[in-house]
Amino acid sequence: MNNLLIETVEYLQSGGGVIIPLIVISVWMWGLIITKLVEFYRWRSQERSVLECVQEKDSPGFSAAPWQVEILQSFMQYRTARLKPTKKDLDRLQRLHEMRVDRHVKTILVLAAITPLLGLLGTVVGMIKTFDVISLFGTGNARAMASGISEALITTQTGLVVAVPGLILGSFISRRAERIRDRIHYFCLGLLREL
């Protein structure tokens, strides 16, 4: 296990300075991906139908998805203030919760799109180092040239390894967020109909 860790560190060090932002972006992106996946899974497992929420809203231990509870509470506050909530009021509530659903989704996609560009930057830096070695020593010093070529290839590879799963999971999360936004919309319409 220690050998694998040492080899990984040496491999990444040979990628040059561009590898550091690639690793930082990768950790940031994966943190957001895991956060959103857990959040969406938890919400989905806690969701209740509109009818269940309306019937059980006053019972002790009532639980539903956090967005359902907040929309229902806001809706009931209008009713206790003897105001009839309008479609406009529910649209405002809906937009507020849709913004919470969409939080970090675009960031994940942007971070995944940046990493191949950073990999390309590392490629250019590595090739410049290779050409510098060629201009100093000619093509006779293969070891010095290999360092620049290695840096170019490692950063390209790392950029793609980070980007491909990031883009796939980012689009998956984006589709999941769209479904949740639809359920929020139908929940709000159902509340208007039921109450």
C-alpha atoms as a PDB file:
ATOM      1  CA  MET A   1       0.000   0.000   0.000  1.00  0.00           C
ATOM      2  CA  ASN A   2       2.834   2.387   0.861  1.00  0.00           C
ATOM      3  CA  ASN A   3       4.560   1.560  -2.422  1.00  0.00           C
ATOM      4  CA  LEU A   4       1.422   2.419  -4.358  1.00  0.00           C
ATOM      5  CA  LEU A   5       1.128   5.754  -2.554  1.00  0.00           C
ATOM      6  CA  ILE A   6       4.799   6.576  -3.163  1.00  0.00           C
ATOM      7  CA  GLU A   7       4.508   5.656  -6.855  1.00  0.00           C
ATOM      8  CA  THR A   8       1.368   7.779  -7.215  1.00  0.00           C
ATOM      9  CA  VAL A   9       3.038  10.804  -5.615  1.00  0.00           C
ATOM     10  CA  GLU A  10       6.122  10.407  -7.832  1.00  0.00           C
ATOM     11  CA  TYR A  11       3.922  10.019 -10.893  1.00  0.00           C
ATOM     12  CA  LEU A  12       1.974  13.178 -10.076  1.00  0.00           C
ATOM     13  CA  GLN A  13       5.158  15.127  -9.272  1.00  0.00           C
ATOM     14  CA  SER A  14       6.453  14.368 -12.735  1.00  0.00           C
ATOM     15  CA  GLY A  15       3.375  16.188 -14.062  1.00  0.00           C
ATOM     16  CA  GLY A  16       4.836  19.560 -13.107  1.00  0.00           C
ATOM     17  CA  GLY A  17       3.150  22.603 -11.585  1.00  0.00           C
ATOM     18  CA  VAL A  18      -0.137  22.284 -13.473  1.00  0.00           C
ATOM     19  CA  ILE A  19      -0.926  19.055 -11.622  1.00  0.00           C
ATOM     20  CA  ILE A  20      -1.581  20.953  -8.359  1.00  0.00           C
ATOM     21  CA  PRO A  21      -4.589  22.947  -9.662  1.00  0.00           C
ATOM     22  CA  LEU A  22      -5.840  19.777 -11.356  1.00  0.00           C
ATOM     23  CA  ILE A  23      -5.822  17.925  -8.028  1.00  0.00           C
ATOM     24  CA  VAL A  24      -7.457  20.847  -6.193  1.00  0.00           C
ATOM     25  CA  ILE A  25     -10.215  21.103  -8.823  1.00  0.00           C
ATOM     26  CA  SER A  26     -10.692  17.336  -8.751  1.00  0.00           C
ATOM     27  CA  VAL A  27     -11.128  17.253  -4.954  1.00  0.00           C
ATOM     28  CA  TRP A  28     -13.478  20.262  -5.065  1.00  0.00           C
ATOM     29  CA  MET A  29     -15.552  18.766  -7.900  1.00  0.00           C
ATOM     30  CA  TRP A  30     -15.827  15.320  -6.268  1.00  0.00           C
ATOM     31  CA  GLY A  31     -16.804  16.910  -2.954  1.00  0.00           C
ATOM     32  CA  LEU A  32     -19.671  18.740  -4.685  1.00  0.00           C
ATOM     33  CA  ILE A  33     -20.708  15.621  -6.626  1.00  0.00           C
ATOM     34  CA  ILE A  34     -20.897  13.484  -3.492  1.00  0.00           C
ATOM     35  CA  THR A  35     -22.740  16.236  -1.609  1.00  0.00           C
ATOM     36  CA  LYS A  36     -25.382  16.594  -4.326  1.00  0.00           C
ATOM     37  CA  LEU A  37     -25.837  12.842  -4.805  1.00  0.00           C
ATOM     38  CA  VAL A  38     -26.350  12.310  -1.062  1.00  0.00           C
ATOM     39  CA  GLU A  39     -28.682  15.318  -0.838  1.00  0.00           C
ATOM     40  CA  PHE A  40     -30.814  14.177  -3.794  1.00  0.00           C
ATOM     41  CA  TYR A  41     -30.952  10.593  -2.516  1.00  0.00           C
ATOM     42  CA  ARG A  42     -32.032  11.773   0.951  1.00  0.00           C
ATOM     43  CA  TRP A  43     -34.701  14.066  -0.500  1.00  0.00           C
ATOM     44  CA  ARG A  44     -36.063  11.328  -2.744  1.00  0.00           C
ATOM     45  CA  SER A  45     -36.277   8.832   0.095  1.00  0.00           C
ATOM     46  CA  GLN A  46     -38.149  11.380   2.286  1.00  0.00           C
ATOM     47  CA  GLU A  47     -40.617  12.617  -0.340  1.00  0.00           C
ATOM     48  CA  ARG A  48     -44.322  12.128   0.308  1.00  0.00           C
ATOM     49  CA  SER A  49     -47.355  12.662  -1.860  1.00  0.00           C
ATOM     50  CA  VAL A  50     -49.279  15.934  -1.670  1.00  0.00           C
ATOM     51  CA  LEU A  51     -52.240  14.140  -0.114  1.00  0.00           C
ATOM     52  CA  GLU A  52     -50.076  12.536   2.613  1.00  0.00           C
ATOM     53  CA  CYS A  53     -48.453  15.881   3.402  1.00  0.00           C
ATOM     54  CA  VAL A  54     -51.799  17.656   3.679  1.00  0.00           C
ATOM     55  CA  GLN A  55     -53.389  14.921   5.802  1.00  0.00           C
ATOM     56  CA  GLU A  56     -50.440  14.390   8.158  1.00  0.00           C
ATOM     57  CA  LYS A  57     -49.055  17.933   8.406  1.00  0.00           C
ATOM     58  CA  ASP A  58     -50.323  18.407  11.979  1.00  0.00           C
ATOM     59  CA  SER A  59     -49.471  14.937  13.276  1.00  0.00           C
ATOM     60  CA  PRO A  60     -46.468  14.599  15.609  1.00  0.00           C
ATOM     61  CA  GLY A  61     -43.414  13.179  13.910  1.00  0.00           C
ATOM     62  CA  PHE A  62     -44.516  14.350  10.461  1.00  0.00           C
ATOM     63  CA  SER A  63     -41.619  14.124   8.053  1.00  0.00           C
ATOM     64  CA  ALA A  64     -41.190  14.724   4.359  1.00  0.00           C
ATOM     65  CA  ALA A  65     -38.500  16.048   2.062  1.00  0.00           C
ATOM     66  CA  PRO A  66     -37.112  19.341   3.430  1.00  0.00           C
ATOM     67  CA  TRP A  67     -38.431  21.298   0.457  1.00  0.00           C
ATOM     68  CA  GLN A  68     -41.915  19.812   0.940  1.00  0.00           C
ATOM     69  CA  VAL A  69     -41.940  20.728   4.630  1.00  0.00           C
ATOM     70  CA  GLU A  70     -40.822  24.321   3.946  1.00  0.00           C
ATOM     71  CA  ILE A  71     -43.315  24.866   1.126  1.00  0.00           C
ATOM     72  CA  LEU A  72     -46.130  23.393   3.217  1.00  0.00           C
ATOM     73  CA  GLN A  73     -45.202  25.551   6.248  1.00  0.00           C
ATOM     74  CA  SER A  74     -45.095  28.722   4.136  1.00  0.00           C
ATOM     75  CA  PHE A  75     -48.393  27.781   2.536  1.00  0.00           C
ATOM     76  CA  MET A  76     -50.008  27.224   5.941  1.00  0.00           C
ATOM     77  CA  GLN A  77     -48.670  30.557   7.237  1.00  0.00           C
ATOM     78  CA  TYR A  78     -50.615  32.272   4.478  1.00  0.00           C
ATOM     79  CA  ARG A  79     -53.725  30.365   5.520  1.00  0.00           C
ATOM     80  CA  THR A  80     -53.384  31.186   9.235  1.00  0.00           C
ATOM     81  CA  ALA A  81     -52.970  34.852   8.331  1.00  0.00           C
ATOM     82  CA  ARG A  82     -56.355  34.455   6.606  1.00  0.00           C
ATOM     83  CA  LEU A  83     -54.804  35.122   3.228  1.00  0.00           C
ATOM     84  CA  LYS A  84     -55.513  32.905   0.299  1.00  0.00           C
ATOM     85  CA  PRO A  85     -52.177  31.934  -1.237  1.00  0.00           C
ATOM     86  CA  THR A  86     -52.149  32.645  -4.913  1.00  0.00           C
ATOM     87  CA  LYS A  87     -50.380  30.921  -7.758  1.00  0.00           C
ATOM     88  CA  LYS A  88     -47.924  33.835  -7.695  1.00  0.00           C
ATOM     89  CA  ASP A  89     -47.044  33.152  -4.041  1.00  0.00           C
ATOM     90  CA  LEU A  90     -46.439  29.491  -4.784  1.00  0.00           C
ATOM     91  CA  ASP A  91     -44.362  30.389  -7.855  1.00  0.00           C
ATOM     92  CA  ARG A  92     -42.120  32.464  -5.610  1.00  0.00           C
ATOM     93  CA  LEU A  93     -41.756  29.565  -3.166  1.00  0.00           C
ATOM     94  CA  GLN A  94     -41.133  27.201  -6.054  1.00  0.00           C
ATOM     95  CA  ARG A  95     -38.356  29.401  -7.511  1.00  0.00           C
ATOM     96  CA  LEU A  96     -36.688  29.651  -4.093  1.00  0.00           C
ATOM     97  CA  HIS A  97     -36.518  25.872  -3.745  1.00  0.00           C
ATOM     98  CA  GLU A  98     -35.505  25.361  -7.364  1.00  0.00           C
ATOM     99  CA  MET A  99     -32.499  27.618  -6.705  1.00  0.00           C
ATOM    100  CA  ARG A 100     -31.566  25.354  -3.774  1.00  0.00           C
ATOM    101  CA  VAL A 101     -31.881  22.297  -5.991  1.00  0.00           C
ATOM    102  CA  ASP A 102     -29.676  23.868  -8.689  1.00  0.00           C
ATOM    103  CA  ARG A 103     -27.015  25.031  -6.231  1.00  0.00           C
ATOM    104  CA  HIS A 104     -23.569  23.651  -7.230  1.00  0.00           C
ATOM    105  CA  VAL A 105     -24.846  21.787 -10.321  1.00  0.00           C
ATOM    106  CA  LYS A 106     -23.395  24.309 -12.772  1.00  0.00           C
ATOM    107  CA  THR A 107     -20.227  24.545 -10.686  1.00  0.00           C
ATOM    108  CA  ILE A 108     -19.689  20.796 -11.108  1.00  0.00           C
ATOM    109  CA  LEU A 109     -20.098  21.066 -14.881  1.00  0.00           C
ATOM    110  CA  VAL A 110     -17.772  24.067 -15.110  1.00  0.00           C
ATOM    111  CA  LEU A 111     -15.079  22.362 -13.008  1.00  0.00           C
ATOM    112  CA  ALA A 112     -15.321  19.254 -15.184  1.00  0.00           C
ATOM    113  CA  ALA A 113     -14.988  21.411 -18.311  1.00  0.00           C
ATOM    114  CA  ILE A 114     -11.943  23.291 -16.958  1.00  0.00           C
ATOM    115  CA  THR A 115      -9.792  20.223 -16.287  1.00  0.00           C
ATOM    116  CA  PRO A 116      -9.088  19.257 -19.927  1.00  0.00           C
ATOM    117  CA  LEU A 117      -8.013  22.848 -20.540  1.00  0.00           C
ATOM    118  CA  LEU A 118      -5.616  22.669 -17.604  1.00  0.00           C
ATOM    119  CA  GLY A 119      -4.359  19.364 -19.014  1.00  0.00           C
ATOM    120  CA  LEU A 120      -3.770  21.107 -22.331  1.00  0.00           C
ATOM    121  CA  LEU A 121      -1.882  23.873 -20.530  1.00  0.00           C
ATOM    122  CA  GLY A 122       0.333  21.212 -18.954  1.00  0.00           C
ATOM    123  CA  THR A 123       0.902  19.717 -22.395  1.00  0.00           C
ATOM    124  CA  VAL A 124       2.056  23.062 -23.763  1.00  0.00           C
ATOM    125  CA  VAL A 125       4.349  23.680 -20.764  1.00  0.00           C
ATOM    126  CA  GLY A 126       5.845  20.198 -21.101  1.00  0.00           C
ATOM    127  CA  MET A 127       6.469  20.624 -24.822  1.00  0.00           C
ATOM    128  CA  ILE A 128       8.087  24.015 -24.253  1.00  0.00           C
ATOM    129  CA  LYS A 129      10.462  22.356 -21.759  1.00  0.00           C
ATOM    130  CA  THR A 130      11.210  19.658 -24.323  1.00  0.00           C
ATOM    131  CA  PHE A 131      12.024  22.228 -27.013  1.00  0.00           C
ATOM    132  CA  ASP A 132      14.219  24.132 -24.548  1.00  0.00           C
ATOM    133  CA  VAL A 133      16.214  20.952 -23.931  1.00  0.00           C
ATOM    134  CA  ILE A 134      16.500  20.316 -27.666  1.00  0.00           C
ATOM    135  CA  SER A 135      17.731  23.870 -28.251  1.00  0.00           C
ATOM    136  CA  LEU A 136      20.415  23.457 -25.547  1.00  0.00           C
ATOM    137  CA  PHE A 137      21.594  19.870 -26.075  1.00  0.00           C
ATOM    138  CA  GLY A 138      20.145  18.838 -29.428  1.00  0.00           C
ATOM    139  CA  THR A 139      18.344  15.542 -29.721  1.00  0.00           C
ATOM    140  CA  GLY A 140      21.195  13.602 -28.118  1.00  0.00           C
ATOM    141  CA  ASN A 141      19.995  13.981 -24.503  1.00  0.00           C
ATOM    142  CA  ALA A 142      16.976  11.660 -24.418  1.00  0.00           C
ATOM    143  CA  ARG A 143      16.649  11.723 -20.612  1.00  0.00           C
ATOM    144  CA  ALA A 144      16.244  15.504 -20.490  1.00  0.00           C
ATOM    145  CA  MET A 145      13.713  15.426 -23.347  1.00  0.00           C
ATOM    146  CA  ALA A 146      11.746  12.647 -21.645  1.00  0.00           C
ATOM    147  CA  SER A 147      11.104  14.839 -18.623  1.00  0.00           C
ATOM    148  CA  GLY A 148       9.246  17.453 -20.690  1.00  0.00           C
ATOM    149  CA  ILE A 149       7.346  14.865 -22.706  1.00  0.00           C
ATOM    150  CA  SER A 150       6.393  13.041 -19.506  1.00  0.00           C
ATOM    151  CA  GLU A 151       5.045  16.263 -17.996  1.00  0.00           C
ATOM    152  CA  ALA A 152       3.020  16.932 -21.147  1.00  0.00           C
ATOM    153  CA  LEU A 153       1.437  13.491 -21.210  1.00  0.00           C
ATOM    154  CA  ILE A 154       0.753  13.176 -17.470  1.00  0.00           C
ATOM    155  CA  THR A 155      -1.098  16.485 -17.252  1.00  0.00           C
ATOM    156  CA  THR A 156      -3.150  15.646 -20.344  1.00  0.00           C
ATOM    157  CA  GLN A 157      -4.034  12.254 -18.927  1.00  0.00           C
ATOM    158  CA  THR A 158      -4.898  13.669 -15.498  1.00  0.00           C
ATOM    159  CA  GLY A 159      -7.098  16.367 -17.040  1.00  0.00           C
ATOM    160  CA  LEU A 160      -9.057  13.778 -19.001  1.00  0.00           C
ATOM    161  CA  VAL A 161      -9.300  11.339 -16.073  1.00  0.00           C
ATOM    162  CA  VAL A 162     -10.852  14.091 -13.965  1.00  0.00           C
ATOM    163  CA  ALA A 163     -13.061  15.526 -16.738  1.00  0.00           C
ATOM    164  CA  VAL A 164     -14.765  12.446 -18.160  1.00  0.00           C
ATOM    165  CA  PRO A 165     -16.394  11.127 -14.960  1.00  0.00           C
ATOM    166  CA  GLY A 166     -17.062  14.706 -13.849  1.00  0.00           C
ATOM    167  CA  LEU A 167     -19.001  15.486 -17.028  1.00  0.00           C
ATOM    168  CA  ILE A 168     -20.912  12.195 -16.893  1.00  0.00           C
ATOM    169  CA  LEU A 169     -21.911  12.598 -13.244  1.00  0.00           C
ATOM    170  CA  GLY A 170     -22.515  16.327 -13.713  1.00  0.00           C
ATOM    171  CA  SER A 171     -25.043  15.669 -16.481  1.00  0.00           C
ATOM    172  CA  PHE A 172     -26.625  12.899 -14.368  1.00  0.00           C
ATOM    173  CA  ILE A 173     -26.987  15.322 -11.438  1.00  0.00           C
ATOM    174  CA  SER A 174     -28.346  17.988 -13.782  1.00  0.00           C
ATOM    175  CA  ARG A 175     -31.054  15.606 -15.040  1.00  0.00           C
ATOM    176  CA  ARG A 176     -31.858  14.574 -11.468  1.00  0.00           C
ATOM    177  CA  ALA A 177     -32.172  18.262 -10.480  1.00  0.00           C
ATOM    178  CA  GLU A 178     -34.554  18.817 -13.378  1.00  0.00           C
ATOM    179  CA  ARG A 179     -36.774  15.970 -12.150  1.00  0.00           C
ATOM    180  CA  ILE A 180     -36.796  17.407  -8.630  1.00  0.00           C
ATOM    181  CA  ARG A 181     -37.758  20.833 -10.027  1.00  0.00           C
ATOM    182  CA  ASP A 182     -40.670  19.161 -11.829  1.00  0.00           C
ATOM    183  CA  ARG A 183     -41.777  17.458  -8.609  1.00  0.00           C
ATOM    184  CA  ILE A 184     -41.594  20.786  -6.745  1.00  0.00           C
ATOM    185  CA  HIS A 185     -43.794  22.350  -9.432  1.00  0.00           C
ATOM    186  CA  TYR A 186     -46.382  19.566  -9.258  1.00  0.00           C
ATOM    187  CA  PHE A 187     -46.298  19.644  -5.443  1.00  0.00           C
ATOM    188  CA  CYS A 188     -47.123  23.364  -5.457  1.00  0.00           C
ATOM    189  CA  LEU A 189     -49.964  22.846  -7.934  1.00  0.00           C
ATOM    190  CA  GLY A 190     -51.240  19.950  -5.823  1.00  0.00           C
ATOM    191  CA  LEU A 191     -51.262  22.131  -2.717  1.00  0.00           C
ATOM    192  CA  LEU A 192     -53.352  24.745  -4.478  1.00  0.00           C
ATOM    193  CA  ARG A 193     -55.786  22.047  -5.543  1.00  0.00           C
ATOM    194  CA  GLU A 194     -55.966  20.250  -2.173  1.00  0.00           C
ATOM    195  CA  LEU A 195     -56.104  23.325   0.067  1.00  0.00           C
END
